[in-house]
Amino acid sequence: MKTTQRAILAQLRRSGTLSVGALAEALVKEASGFTNTLKPLERDGFIQLKPDPADRRGRTVCLTAAGMRKLKETDALWAVAQARFEAAIGRAESAALRATLVALAGDGFSDAV
């Protein structure tokens, strides 16, 4: 599983069912073409795409039970990767980097640019 695919599953675990556009926005991705990114996850049964009940032209995305199992499986691997990163870079430096990345991804930065 690619890190981008894991990020999609993790976002759905945090947010629940979202429209394709809202999911793309939450992940700071371009909405056009984002459906192509979702196709392998849908094919593998990790997500389900359904017509949006509020707007039948749109689609919603939800995490399936298989997707939740895959995400739990990758959580352990992600924790190991994070621990190795912290060991190599240092705890304080890792925290500072995460804080900077959160700031860069936030609305305040994009509004200022």
PDB file of N, CA and C in Angstrom:
ATOM      1  N   MET A   1       0.848  -1.172   0.000  1.00  0.00           N
ATOM      2  CA  MET A   1       0.000   0.000   0.000  1.00  0.00           C
ATOM      3  C   MET A   1       0.894   1.236   0.000  1.00  0.00           C
ATOM      4  N   LYS A   2       0.574   2.178  -0.842  1.00  0.00           N
ATOM      5  CA  LYS A   2       1.330   3.430  -0.919  1.00  0.00           C
ATOM      6  C   LYS A   2       0.956   4.339   0.248  1.00  0.00           C
ATOM      7  N   THR A   3       1.874   5.215   0.612  1.00  0.00           N
ATOM      8  CA  THR A   3       1.599   6.129   1.722  1.00  0.00           C
ATOM      9  C   THR A   3       0.418   7.039   1.413  1.00  0.00           C
ATOM     10  N   THR A   4       0.255   7.410   0.139  1.00  0.00           N
ATOM     11  CA  THR A   4      -0.884   8.250  -0.226  1.00  0.00           C
ATOM     12  C   THR A   4      -2.200   7.500  -0.025  1.00  0.00           C
ATOM     13  N   GLN A   5      -2.200   6.202  -0.304  1.00  0.00           N
ATOM     14  CA  GLN A   5      -3.408   5.399  -0.094  1.00  0.00           C
ATOM     15  C   GLN A   5      -3.695   5.258   1.395  1.00  0.00           C
ATOM     16  N   ARG A   6      -2.648   5.060   2.178  1.00  0.00           N
ATOM     17  CA  ARG A   6      -2.831   4.965   3.629  1.00  0.00           C
ATOM     18  C   ARG A   6      -3.380   6.276   4.179  1.00  0.00           C
ATOM     19  N   ALA A   7      -2.904   7.388   3.662  1.00  0.00           N
ATOM     20  CA  ALA A   7      -3.385   8.693   4.110  1.00  0.00           C
ATOM     21  C   ALA A   7      -4.882   8.847   3.828  1.00  0.00           C
ATOM     22  N   ILE A   8      -5.331   8.336   2.711  1.00  0.00           N
ATOM     23  CA  ILE A   8      -6.766   8.390   2.380  1.00  0.00           C
ATOM     24  C   ILE A   8      -7.567   7.583   3.395  1.00  0.00           C
ATOM     25  N   LEU A   9      -7.119   6.365   3.671  1.00  0.00           N
ATOM     26  CA  LEU A   9      -7.821   5.526   4.644  1.00  0.00           C
ATOM     27  C   LEU A   9      -7.818   6.168   6.029  1.00  0.00           C
ATOM     28  N   ALA A  10      -6.686   6.729   6.428  1.00  0.00           N
ATOM     29  CA  ALA A  10      -6.580   7.371   7.744  1.00  0.00           C
ATOM     30  C   ALA A  10      -7.514   8.582   7.840  1.00  0.00           C
ATOM     31  N   GLN A  11      -7.609   9.348   6.769  1.00  0.00           N
ATOM     32  CA  GLN A  11      -8.502  10.509   6.776  1.00  0.00           C
ATOM     33  C   GLN A  11      -9.954  10.062   6.909  1.00  0.00           C
ATOM     34  N   LEU A  12     -10.319   8.995   6.221  1.00  0.00           N
ATOM     35  CA  LEU A  12     -11.685   8.486   6.327  1.00  0.00           C
ATOM     36  C   LEU A  12     -11.961   7.945   7.733  1.00  0.00           C
ATOM     37  N   ARG A  13     -10.959   7.353   8.381  1.00  0.00           N
ATOM     38  CA  ARG A  13     -11.137   6.884   9.761  1.00  0.00           C
ATOM     39  C   ARG A  13     -11.391   8.081  10.679  1.00  0.00           C
ATOM     40  N   ARG A  14     -10.672   9.187  10.453  1.00  0.00           N
ATOM     41  CA  ARG A  14     -10.843  10.381  11.285  1.00  0.00           C
ATOM     42  C   ARG A  14     -12.165  11.077  11.022  1.00  0.00           C
ATOM     43  N   SER A  15     -12.535  11.192   9.746  1.00  0.00           N
ATOM     44  CA  SER A  15     -13.661  12.041   9.359  1.00  0.00           C
ATOM     45  C   SER A  15     -14.966  11.307   9.104  1.00  0.00           C
ATOM     46  N   GLY A  16     -14.894  10.009   8.846  1.00  0.00           N
ATOM     47  CA  GLY A  16     -16.104   9.296   8.451  1.00  0.00           C
ATOM     48  C   GLY A  16     -16.368   9.516   6.972  1.00  0.00           C
ATOM     49  N   THR A  17     -17.583   9.249   6.550  1.00  0.00           N
ATOM     50  CA  THR A  17     -17.948   9.380   5.143  1.00  0.00           C
ATOM     51  C   THR A  17     -17.826  10.836   4.699  1.00  0.00           C
ATOM     52  N   LEU A  18     -17.190  11.035   3.547  1.00  0.00           N
ATOM     53  CA  LEU A  18     -16.998  12.376   2.972  1.00  0.00           C
ATOM     54  C   LEU A  18     -17.337  12.349   1.494  1.00  0.00           C
ATOM     55  N   SER A  19     -17.656  13.503   0.955  1.00  0.00           N
ATOM     56  CA  SER A  19     -17.765  13.606  -0.495  1.00  0.00           C
ATOM     57  C   SER A  19     -16.359  13.498  -1.073  1.00  0.00           C
ATOM     58  N   VAL A  20     -16.268  13.126  -2.337  1.00  0.00           N
ATOM     59  CA  VAL A  20     -14.958  13.021  -2.989  1.00  0.00           C
ATOM     60  C   VAL A  20     -14.231  14.357  -2.900  1.00  0.00           C
ATOM     61  N   GLY A  21     -14.954  15.448  -3.140  1.00  0.00           N
ATOM     62  CA  GLY A  21     -14.347  16.786  -3.081  1.00  0.00           C
ATOM     63  C   GLY A  21     -13.842  17.144  -1.696  1.00  0.00           C
ATOM     64  N   ALA A  22     -14.634  16.825  -0.668  1.00  0.00           N
ATOM     65  CA  ALA A  22     -14.230  17.128   0.710  1.00  0.00           C
ATOM     66  C   ALA A  22     -13.020  16.291   1.116  1.00  0.00           C
ATOM     67  N   LEU A  23     -12.974  15.041   0.665  1.00  0.00           N
ATOM     68  CA  LEU A  23     -11.820  14.190   0.961  1.00  0.00           C
ATOM     69  C   LEU A  23     -10.568  14.739   0.288  1.00  0.00           C
ATOM     70  N   ALA A  24     -10.693  15.128  -0.971  1.00  0.00           N
ATOM     71  CA  ALA A  24      -9.554  15.709  -1.687  1.00  0.00           C
ATOM     72  C   ALA A  24      -9.069  16.975  -0.983  1.00  0.00           C
ATOM     73  N   GLU A  25     -10.010  17.809  -0.574  1.00  0.00           N
ATOM     74  CA  GLU A  25      -9.654  19.054   0.106  1.00  0.00           C
ATOM     75  C   GLU A  25      -8.951  18.763   1.440  1.00  0.00           C
ATOM     76  N   ALA A  26      -9.455  17.805   2.189  1.00  0.00           N
ATOM     77  CA  ALA A  26      -8.848  17.459   3.483  1.00  0.00           C
ATOM     78  C   ALA A  26      -7.415  16.966   3.304  1.00  0.00           C
ATOM     79  N   LEU A  27      -7.141  16.331   2.174  1.00  0.00           N
ATOM     80  CA  LEU A  27      -5.813  15.802   1.894  1.00  0.00           C
ATOM     81  C   LEU A  27      -4.958  16.756   1.064  1.00  0.00           C
ATOM     82  N   VAL A  28      -5.483  17.939   0.804  1.00  0.00           N
ATOM     83  CA  VAL A  28      -4.809  18.964   0.006  1.00  0.00           C
ATOM     84  C   VAL A  28      -4.432  18.389  -1.364  1.00  0.00           C
ATOM     85  N   LYS A  29      -5.428  17.805  -2.009  1.00  0.00           N
ATOM     86  CA  LYS A  29      -5.260  17.224  -3.343  1.00  0.00           C
ATOM     87  C   LYS A  29      -6.186  17.941  -4.311  1.00  0.00           C
ATOM     88  N   GLU A  30      -5.822  17.938  -5.574  1.00  0.00           N
ATOM     89  CA  GLU A  30      -6.652  18.502  -6.637  1.00  0.00           C
ATOM     90  C   GLU A  30      -7.854  17.586  -6.828  1.00  0.00           C
ATOM     91  N   ALA A  31      -9.058  18.138  -6.762  1.00  0.00           N
ATOM     92  CA  ALA A  31     -10.287  17.333  -6.837  1.00  0.00           C
ATOM     93  C   ALA A  31     -10.452  16.654  -8.196  1.00  0.00           C
ATOM     94  N   SER A  32     -10.090  17.354  -9.266  1.00  0.00           N
ATOM     95  CA  SER A  32     -10.237  16.733 -10.585  1.00  0.00           C
ATOM     96  C   SER A  32      -9.197  15.633 -10.714  1.00  0.00           C
ATOM     97  N   GLY A  33      -9.637  14.459 -11.046  1.00  0.00           N
ATOM     98  CA  GLY A  33      -8.721  13.338 -11.168  1.00  0.00           C
ATOM     99  C   GLY A  33      -8.505  12.571  -9.882  1.00  0.00           C
ATOM    100  N   PHE A  34      -9.014  13.096  -8.761  1.00  0.00           N
ATOM    101  CA  PHE A  34      -8.833  12.417  -7.480  1.00  0.00           C
ATOM    102  C   PHE A  34      -9.556  11.072  -7.469  1.00  0.00           C
ATOM    103  N   THR A  35     -10.641  10.980  -8.213  1.00  0.00           N
ATOM    104  CA  THR A  35     -11.379   9.719  -8.305  1.00  0.00           C
ATOM    105  C   THR A  35     -10.482   8.604  -8.827  1.00  0.00           C
ATOM    106  N   ASN A  36      -9.574   8.935  -9.749  1.00  0.00           N
ATOM    107  CA  ASN A  36      -8.628   7.923 -10.247  1.00  0.00           C
ATOM    108  C   ASN A  36      -7.726   7.396  -9.137  1.00  0.00           C
ATOM    109  N   THR A  37      -7.387   8.246  -8.187  1.00  0.00           N
ATOM    110  CA  THR A  37      -6.570   7.840  -7.051  1.00  0.00           C
ATOM    111  C   THR A  37      -7.337   6.860  -6.162  1.00  0.00           C
ATOM    112  N   LEU A  38      -8.660   7.009  -6.134  1.00  0.00           N
ATOM    113  CA  LEU A  38      -9.494   6.169  -5.282  1.00  0.00           C
ATOM    114  C   LEU A  38      -9.791   4.795  -5.890  1.00  0.00           C
ATOM    115  N   LYS A  39      -9.681   4.685  -7.203  1.00  0.00           N
ATOM    116  CA  LYS A  39     -10.068   3.441  -7.887  1.00  0.00           C
ATOM    117  C   LYS A  39      -9.378   2.186  -7.355  1.00  0.00           C
ATOM    118  N   PRO A  40      -8.051   2.181  -7.142  1.00  0.00           N
ATOM    119  CA  PRO A  40      -7.424   0.960  -6.607  1.00  0.00           C
ATOM    120  C   PRO A  40      -7.931   0.599  -5.209  1.00  0.00           C
ATOM    121  N   LEU A  41      -8.214   1.612  -4.388  1.00  0.00           N
ATOM    122  CA  LEU A  41      -8.730   1.353  -3.048  1.00  0.00           C
ATOM    123  C   LEU A  41     -10.140   0.768  -3.111  1.00  0.00           C
ATOM    124  N   GLU A  42     -10.921   1.248  -4.054  1.00  0.00           N
ATOM    125  CA  GLU A  42     -12.263   0.703  -4.241  1.00  0.00           C
ATOM    126  C   GLU A  42     -12.171  -0.726  -4.795  1.00  0.00           C
ATOM    127  N   ARG A  43     -11.323  -0.935  -5.776  1.00  0.00           N
ATOM    128  CA  ARG A  43     -11.135  -2.254  -6.385  1.00  0.00           C
ATOM    129  C   ARG A  43     -10.736  -3.298  -5.336  1.00  0.00           C
ATOM    130  N   ASP A  44      -9.862  -2.889  -4.403  1.00  0.00           N
ATOM    131  CA  ASP A  44      -9.372  -3.808  -3.385  1.00  0.00           C
ATOM    132  C   ASP A  44     -10.330  -3.936  -2.197  1.00  0.00           C
ATOM    133  N   GLY A  45     -11.449  -3.200  -2.245  1.00  0.00           N
ATOM    134  CA  GLY A  45     -12.472  -3.315  -1.212  1.00  0.00           C
ATOM    135  C   GLY A  45     -12.194  -2.532   0.056  1.00  0.00           C
ATOM    136  N   PHE A  46     -11.248  -1.588   0.012  1.00  0.00           N
ATOM    137  CA  PHE A  46     -10.894  -0.807   1.195  1.00  0.00           C
ATOM    138  C   PHE A  46     -11.802   0.406   1.399  1.00  0.00           C
ATOM    139  N   ILE A  47     -12.384   0.894   0.327  1.00  0.00           N
ATOM    140  CA  ILE A  47     -13.331   2.006   0.400  1.00  0.00           C
ATOM    141  C   ILE A  47     -14.544   1.662  -0.450  1.00  0.00           C
ATOM    142  N   GLN A  48     -15.620   2.405  -0.208  1.00  0.00           N
ATOM    143  CA  GLN A  48     -16.815   2.249  -1.035  1.00  0.00           C
ATOM    144  C   GLN A  48     -17.236   3.636  -1.506  1.00  0.00           C
ATOM    145  N   LEU A  49     -17.488   3.744  -2.798  1.00  0.00           N
ATOM    146  CA  LEU A  49     -17.999   4.977  -3.385  1.00  0.00           C
ATOM    147  C   LEU A  49     -19.489   4.794  -3.625  1.00  0.00           C
ATOM    148  N   LYS A  50     -20.277   5.778  -3.194  1.00  0.00           N
ATOM    149  CA  LYS A  50     -21.732   5.728  -3.362  1.00  0.00           C
ATOM    150  C   LYS A  50     -22.212   7.084  -3.864  1.00  0.00           C
ATOM    151  N   PRO A  51     -23.375   7.100  -4.518  1.00  0.00           N
ATOM    152  CA  PRO A  51     -23.955   8.394  -4.886  1.00  0.00           C
ATOM    153  C   PRO A  51     -24.224   9.222  -3.623  1.00  0.00           C
ATOM    154  N   ASP A  52     -23.971  10.504  -3.710  1.00  0.00           N
ATOM    155  CA  ASP A  52     -24.200  11.412  -2.588  1.00  0.00           C
ATOM    156  C   ASP A  52     -25.707  11.622  -2.430  1.00  0.00           C
ATOM    157  N   PRO A  53     -26.290  11.288  -1.274  1.00  0.00           N
ATOM    158  CA  PRO A  53     -27.738  11.457  -1.113  1.00  0.00           C
ATOM    159  C   PRO A  53     -28.176  12.915  -1.202  1.00  0.00           C
ATOM    160  N   ALA A  54     -27.280  13.850  -0.876  1.00  0.00           N
ATOM    161  CA  ALA A  54     -27.610  15.274  -0.941  1.00  0.00           C
ATOM    162  C   ALA A  54     -27.508  15.816  -2.364  1.00  0.00           C
ATOM    163  N   ASP A  55     -26.706  15.194  -3.196  1.00  0.00           N
ATOM    164  CA  ASP A  55     -26.511  15.643  -4.576  1.00  0.00           C
ATOM    165  C   ASP A  55     -26.165  14.417  -5.409  1.00  0.00           C
ATOM    166  N   ARG A  56     -27.123  13.865  -6.099  1.00  0.00           N
ATOM    167  CA  ARG A  56     -26.949  12.609  -6.827  1.00  0.00           C
ATOM    168  C   ARG A  56     -25.854  12.682  -7.899  1.00  0.00           C
ATOM    169  N   ARG A  57     -25.418  13.881  -8.262  1.00  0.00           N
ATOM    170  CA  ARG A  57     -24.324  14.002  -9.233  1.00  0.00           C
ATOM    171  C   ARG A  57     -22.977  13.714  -8.590  1.00  0.00           C
ATOM    172  N   GLY A  58     -22.894  13.896  -7.271  1.00  0.00           N
ATOM    173  CA  GLY A  58     -21.645  13.685  -6.550  1.00  0.00           C
ATOM    174  C   GLY A  58     -21.580  12.289  -5.963  1.00  0.00           C
ATOM    175  N   ARG A  59     -20.428  11.989  -5.392  1.00  0.00           N
ATOM    176  CA  ARG A  59     -20.229  10.678  -4.765  1.00  0.00           C
ATOM    177  C   ARG A  59     -19.610  10.854  -3.397  1.00  0.00           C
ATOM    178  N   THR A  60     -19.941   9.934  -2.517  1.00  0.00           N
ATOM    179  CA  THR A  60     -19.336   9.924  -1.190  1.00  0.00           C
ATOM    180  C   THR A  60     -18.378   8.738  -1.090  1.00  0.00           C
ATOM    181  N   VAL A  61     -17.450   8.846  -0.157  1.00  0.00           N
ATOM    182  CA  VAL A  61     -16.442   7.813   0.054  1.00  0.00           C
ATOM    183  C   VAL A  61     -16.510   7.394   1.515  1.00  0.00           C
ATOM    184  N   CYS A  62     -16.544   6.087   1.756  1.00  0.00           N
ATOM    185  CA  CYS A  62     -16.499   5.599   3.139  1.00  0.00           C
ATOM    186  C   CYS A  62     -15.517   4.444   3.243  1.00  0.00           C
ATOM    187  N   LEU A  63     -14.989   4.287   4.425  1.00  0.00           N
ATOM    188  CA  LEU A  63     -14.051   3.219   4.741  1.00  0.00           C
ATOM    189  C   LEU A  63     -14.845   1.938   4.976  1.00  0.00           C
ATOM    190  N   THR A  64     -14.421   0.843   4.395  1.00  0.00           N
ATOM    191  CA  THR A  64     -15.081  -0.443   4.599  1.00  0.00           C
ATOM    192  C   THR A  64     -14.407  -1.180   5.765  1.00  0.00           C
ATOM    193  N   ALA A  65     -14.999  -2.298   6.170  1.00  0.00           N
ATOM    194  CA  ALA A  65     -14.395  -3.121   7.221  1.00  0.00           C
ATOM    195  C   ALA A  65     -13.012  -3.610   6.781  1.00  0.00           C
ATOM    196  N   ALA A  66     -12.882  -3.984   5.506  1.00  0.00           N
ATOM    197  CA  ALA A  66     -11.580  -4.420   4.982  1.00  0.00           C
ATOM    198  C   ALA A  66     -10.580  -3.266   5.018  1.00  0.00           C
ATOM    199  N   GLY A  67     -11.039  -2.063   4.724  1.00  0.00           N
ATOM    200  CA  GLY A  67     -10.181  -0.889   4.779  1.00  0.00           C
ATOM    201  C   GLY A  67      -9.720  -0.600   6.196  1.00  0.00           C
ATOM    202  N   MET A  68     -10.621  -0.775   7.156  1.00  0.00           N
ATOM    203  CA  MET A  68     -10.261  -0.568   8.563  1.00  0.00           C
ATOM    204  C   MET A  68      -9.236  -1.609   9.005  1.00  0.00           C
ATOM    205  N   ARG A  69      -9.416  -2.857   8.581  1.00  0.00           N
ATOM    206  CA  ARG A  69      -8.436  -3.900   8.922  1.00  0.00           C
ATOM    207  C   ARG A  69      -7.063  -3.584   8.317  1.00  0.00           C
ATOM    208  N   LYS A  70      -7.043  -3.150   7.061  1.00  0.00           N
ATOM    209  CA  LYS A  70      -5.784  -2.803   6.399  1.00  0.00           C
ATOM    210  C   LYS A  70      -5.122  -1.629   7.099  1.00  0.00           C
ATOM    211  N   LEU A  71      -5.911  -0.654   7.487  1.00  0.00           N
ATOM    212  CA  LEU A  71      -5.374   0.514   8.175  1.00  0.00           C
ATOM    213  C   LEU A  71      -4.779   0.109   9.524  1.00  0.00           C
ATOM    214  N   LYS A  72      -5.464  -0.741  10.268  1.00  0.00           N
ATOM    215  CA  LYS A  72      -4.933  -1.219  11.547  1.00  0.00           C
ATOM    216  C   LYS A  72      -3.631  -1.988  11.335  1.00  0.00           C
ATOM    217  N   GLU A  73      -3.583  -2.772  10.262  1.00  0.00           N
ATOM    218  CA  GLU A  73      -2.365  -3.520   9.921  1.00  0.00           C
ATOM    219  C   GLU A  73      -1.203  -2.563   9.650  1.00  0.00           C
ATOM    220  N   THR A  74      -1.476  -1.477   8.954  1.00  0.00           N
ATOM    221  CA  THR A  74      -0.411  -0.530   8.616  1.00  0.00           C
ATOM    222  C   THR A  74      -0.070   0.403   9.769  1.00  0.00           C
ATOM    223  N   ASP A  75      -0.961   0.516  10.775  1.00  0.00           N
ATOM    224  CA  ASP A  75      -0.669   1.376  11.929  1.00  0.00           C
ATOM    225  C   ASP A  75       0.623   0.944  12.619  1.00  0.00           C
ATOM    226  N   ALA A  76       0.805  -0.356  12.782  1.00  0.00           N
ATOM    227  CA  ALA A  76       2.017  -0.860  13.444  1.00  0.00           C
ATOM    228  C   ALA A  76       3.257  -0.531  12.624  1.00  0.00           C
ATOM    229  N   LEU A  77       3.153  -0.696  11.321  1.00  0.00           N
ATOM    230  CA  LEU A  77       4.287  -0.377  10.443  1.00  0.00           C
ATOM    231  C   LEU A  77       4.590   1.119  10.477  1.00  0.00           C
ATOM    232  N   TRP A  78       3.538   1.933  10.507  1.00  0.00           N
ATOM    233  CA  TRP A  78       3.699   3.385  10.554  1.00  0.00           C
ATOM    234  C   TRP A  78       4.377   3.796  11.869  1.00  0.00           C
ATOM    235  N   ALA A  79       3.985   3.164  12.962  1.00  0.00           N
ATOM    236  CA  ALA A  79       4.591   3.476  14.259  1.00  0.00           C
ATOM    237  C   ALA A  79       6.082   3.154  14.257  1.00  0.00           C
ATOM    238  N   VAL A  80       6.456   2.040  13.655  1.00  0.00           N
ATOM    239  CA  VAL A  80       7.876   1.667  13.555  1.00  0.00           C
ATOM    240  C   VAL A  80       8.626   2.704  12.716  1.00  0.00           C
ATOM    241  N   ALA A  81       8.048   3.103  11.596  1.00  0.00           N
ATOM    242  CA  ALA A  81       8.693   4.097  10.732  1.00  0.00           C
ATOM    243  C   ALA A  81       8.871   5.424  11.471  1.00  0.00           C
ATOM    244  N   GLN A  82       7.854   5.829  12.221  1.00  0.00           N
ATOM    245  CA  GLN A  82       7.940   7.086  12.975  1.00  0.00           C
ATOM    246  C   GLN A  82       9.014   6.987  14.065  1.00  0.00           C
ATOM    247  N   ALA A  83       9.085   5.847  14.734  1.00  0.00           N
ATOM    248  CA  ALA A  83      10.093   5.660  15.785  1.00  0.00           C
ATOM    249  C   ALA A  83      11.503   5.705  15.200  1.00  0.00           C
ATOM    250  N   ARG A  84      11.694   5.086  14.047  1.00  0.00           N
ATOM    251  CA  ARG A  84      13.009   5.117  13.391  1.00  0.00           C
ATOM    252  C   ARG A  84      13.376   6.538  12.981  1.00  0.00           C
ATOM    253  N   PHE A  85      12.392   7.270  12.468  1.00  0.00           N
ATOM    254  CA  PHE A  85      12.636   8.655  12.074  1.00  0.00           C
ATOM    255  C   PHE A  85      13.054   9.481  13.285  1.00  0.00           C
ATOM    256  N   GLU A  86      12.308   9.339  14.387  1.00  0.00           N
ATOM    257  CA  GLU A  86      12.651  10.080  15.600  1.00  0.00           C
ATOM    258  C   GLU A  86      14.028   9.703  16.129  1.00  0.00           C
ATOM    259  N   ALA A  87      14.362   8.421  16.046  1.00  0.00           N
ATOM    260  CA  ALA A  87      15.684   7.978  16.512  1.00  0.00           C
ATOM    261  C   ALA A  87      16.800   8.587  15.669  1.00  0.00           C
ATOM    262  N   ALA A  88      16.558   8.723  14.383  1.00  0.00           N
ATOM    263  CA  ALA A  88      17.582   9.265  13.486  1.00  0.00           C
ATOM    264  C   ALA A  88      17.684  10.782  13.587  1.00  0.00           C
ATOM    265  N   ILE A  89      16.555  11.449  13.699  1.00  0.00           N
ATOM    266  CA  ILE A  89      16.523  12.919  13.657  1.00  0.00           C
ATOM    267  C   ILE A  89      16.556  13.536  15.058  1.00  0.00           C
ATOM    268  N   GLY A  90      15.954  12.856  16.009  1.00  0.00           N
ATOM    269  CA  GLY A  90      15.831  13.396  17.364  1.00  0.00           C
ATOM    270  C   GLY A  90      14.383  13.765  17.649  1.00  0.00           C
ATOM    271  N   ARG A  91      13.989  13.600  18.899  1.00  0.00           N
ATOM    272  CA  ARG A  91      12.587  13.841  19.290  1.00  0.00           C
ATOM    273  C   ARG A  91      12.187  15.306  19.106  1.00  0.00           C
ATOM    274  N   ALA A  92      13.015  16.224  19.588  1.00  0.00           N
ATOM    275  CA  ALA A  92      12.679  17.650  19.483  1.00  0.00           C
ATOM    276  C   ALA A  92      12.628  18.099  18.023  1.00  0.00           C
ATOM    277  N   GLU A  93      13.588  17.643  17.238  1.00  0.00           N
ATOM    278  CA  GLU A  93      13.616  18.013  15.815  1.00  0.00           C
ATOM    279  C   GLU A  93      12.409  17.443  15.074  1.00  0.00           C
ATOM    280  N   SER A  94      12.030  16.209  15.410  1.00  0.00           N
ATOM    281  CA  SER A  94      10.856  15.593  14.789  1.00  0.00           C
ATOM    282  C   SER A  94       9.596  16.378  15.116  1.00  0.00           C
ATOM    283  N   ALA A  95       9.460  16.765  16.377  1.00  0.00           N
ATOM    284  CA  ALA A  95       8.291  17.550  16.797  1.00  0.00           C
ATOM    285  C   ALA A  95       8.264  18.897  16.083  1.00  0.00           C
ATOM    286  N   ALA A  96       9.417  19.538  15.961  1.00  0.00           N
ATOM    287  CA  ALA A  96       9.487  20.831  15.272  1.00  0.00           C
ATOM    288  C   ALA A  96       9.126  20.681  13.796  1.00  0.00           C
ATOM    289  N   LEU A  97       9.616  19.629  13.168  1.00  0.00           N
ATOM    290  CA  LEU A  97       9.291  19.388  11.762  1.00  0.00           C
ATOM    291  C   LEU A  97       7.792  19.149  11.578  1.00  0.00           C
ATOM    292  N   ARG A  98       7.201  18.318  12.452  1.00  0.00           N
ATOM    293  CA  ARG A  98       5.755  18.073  12.356  1.00  0.00           C
ATOM    294  C   ARG A  98       4.968  19.373  12.524  1.00  0.00           C
ATOM    295  N   ALA A  99       5.361  20.194  13.468  1.00  0.00           N
ATOM    296  CA  ALA A  99       4.672  21.467  13.693  1.00  0.00           C
ATOM    297  C   ALA A  99       4.775  22.365  12.463  1.00  0.00           C
ATOM    298  N   THR A 100       5.933  22.393  11.844  1.00  0.00           N
ATOM    299  CA  THR A 100       6.120  23.195  10.632  1.00  0.00           C
ATOM    300  C   THR A 100       5.247  22.666   9.493  1.00  0.00           C
ATOM    301  N   LEU A 101       5.206  21.355   9.333  1.00  0.00           N
ATOM    302  CA  LEU A 101       4.395  20.761   8.266  1.00  0.00           C
ATOM    303  C   LEU A 101       2.912  21.022   8.491  1.00  0.00           C
ATOM    304  N   VAL A 102       2.461  20.952   9.735  1.00  0.00           N
ATOM    305  CA  VAL A 102       1.059  21.255  10.046  1.00  0.00           C
ATOM    306  C   VAL A 102       0.763  22.711   9.688  1.00  0.00           C
ATOM    307  N   ALA A 103       1.682  23.602  10.029  1.00  0.00           N
ATOM    308  CA  ALA A 103       1.488  25.025   9.707  1.00  0.00           C
ATOM    309  C   ALA A 103       1.443  25.251   8.203  1.00  0.00           C
ATOM    310  N   LEU A 104       2.315  24.569   7.470  1.00  0.00           N
ATOM    311  CA  LEU A 104       2.337  24.734   6.010  1.00  0.00           C
ATOM    312  C   LEU A 104       1.064  24.190   5.351  1.00  0.00           C
ATOM    313  N   ALA A 105       0.512  23.135   5.913  1.00  0.00           N
ATOM    314  CA  ALA A 105      -0.689  22.526   5.342  1.00  0.00           C
ATOM    315  C   ALA A 105      -1.958  23.243   5.768  1.00  0.00           C
ATOM    316  N   GLY A 106      -1.870  24.112   6.774  1.00  0.00           N
ATOM    317  CA  GLY A 106      -3.050  24.784   7.310  1.00  0.00           C
ATOM    318  C   GLY A 106      -3.541  25.921   6.447  1.00  0.00           C
ATOM    319  N   ASP A 107      -4.761  26.340   6.731  1.00  0.00           N
ATOM    320  CA  ASP A 107      -5.382  27.429   5.977  1.00  0.00           C
ATOM    321  C   ASP A 107      -4.635  28.749   6.122  1.00  0.00           C
ATOM    322  N   GLY A 108      -4.065  28.978   7.295  1.00  0.00           N
ATOM    323  CA  GLY A 108      -3.352  30.245   7.519  1.00  0.00           C
ATOM    324  C   GLY A 108      -2.212  30.456   6.549  1.00  0.00           C
ATOM    325  N   PHE A 109      -1.475  29.409   6.230  1.00  0.00           N
ATOM    326  CA  PHE A 109      -0.357  29.531   5.300  1.00  0.00           C
ATOM    327  C   PHE A 109      -0.859  29.745   3.877  1.00  0.00           C
ATOM    328  N   SER A 110      -1.832  28.939   3.457  1.00  0.00           N
ATOM    329  CA  SER A 110      -2.315  29.069   2.070  1.00  0.00           C
ATOM    330  C   SER A 110      -2.995  30.411   1.849  1.00  0.00           C
ATOM    331  N   ASP A 111      -3.630  30.960   2.895  1.00  0.00           N
ATOM    332  CA  ASP A 111      -4.267  32.264   2.759  1.00  0.00           C
ATOM    333  C   ASP A 111      -3.232  33.378   2.664  1.00  0.00           C
ATOM    334  N   ALA A 112      -2.076  33.174   3.298  1.00  0.00           N
ATOM    335  CA  ALA A 112      -1.029  34.202   3.310  1.00  0.00           C
ATOM    336  C   ALA A 112      -0.235  34.232   2.007  1.00  0.00           C
ATOM    337  N   VAL A 113      -0.217  33.141   1.291  1.00  0.00           N
ATOM    338  CA  VAL A 113       0.598  33.047   0.082  1.00  0.00           C
ATOM    339  C   VAL A 113      -0.093  33.658  -1.105  1.00  0.00           C
TER     340      VAL A 113
END
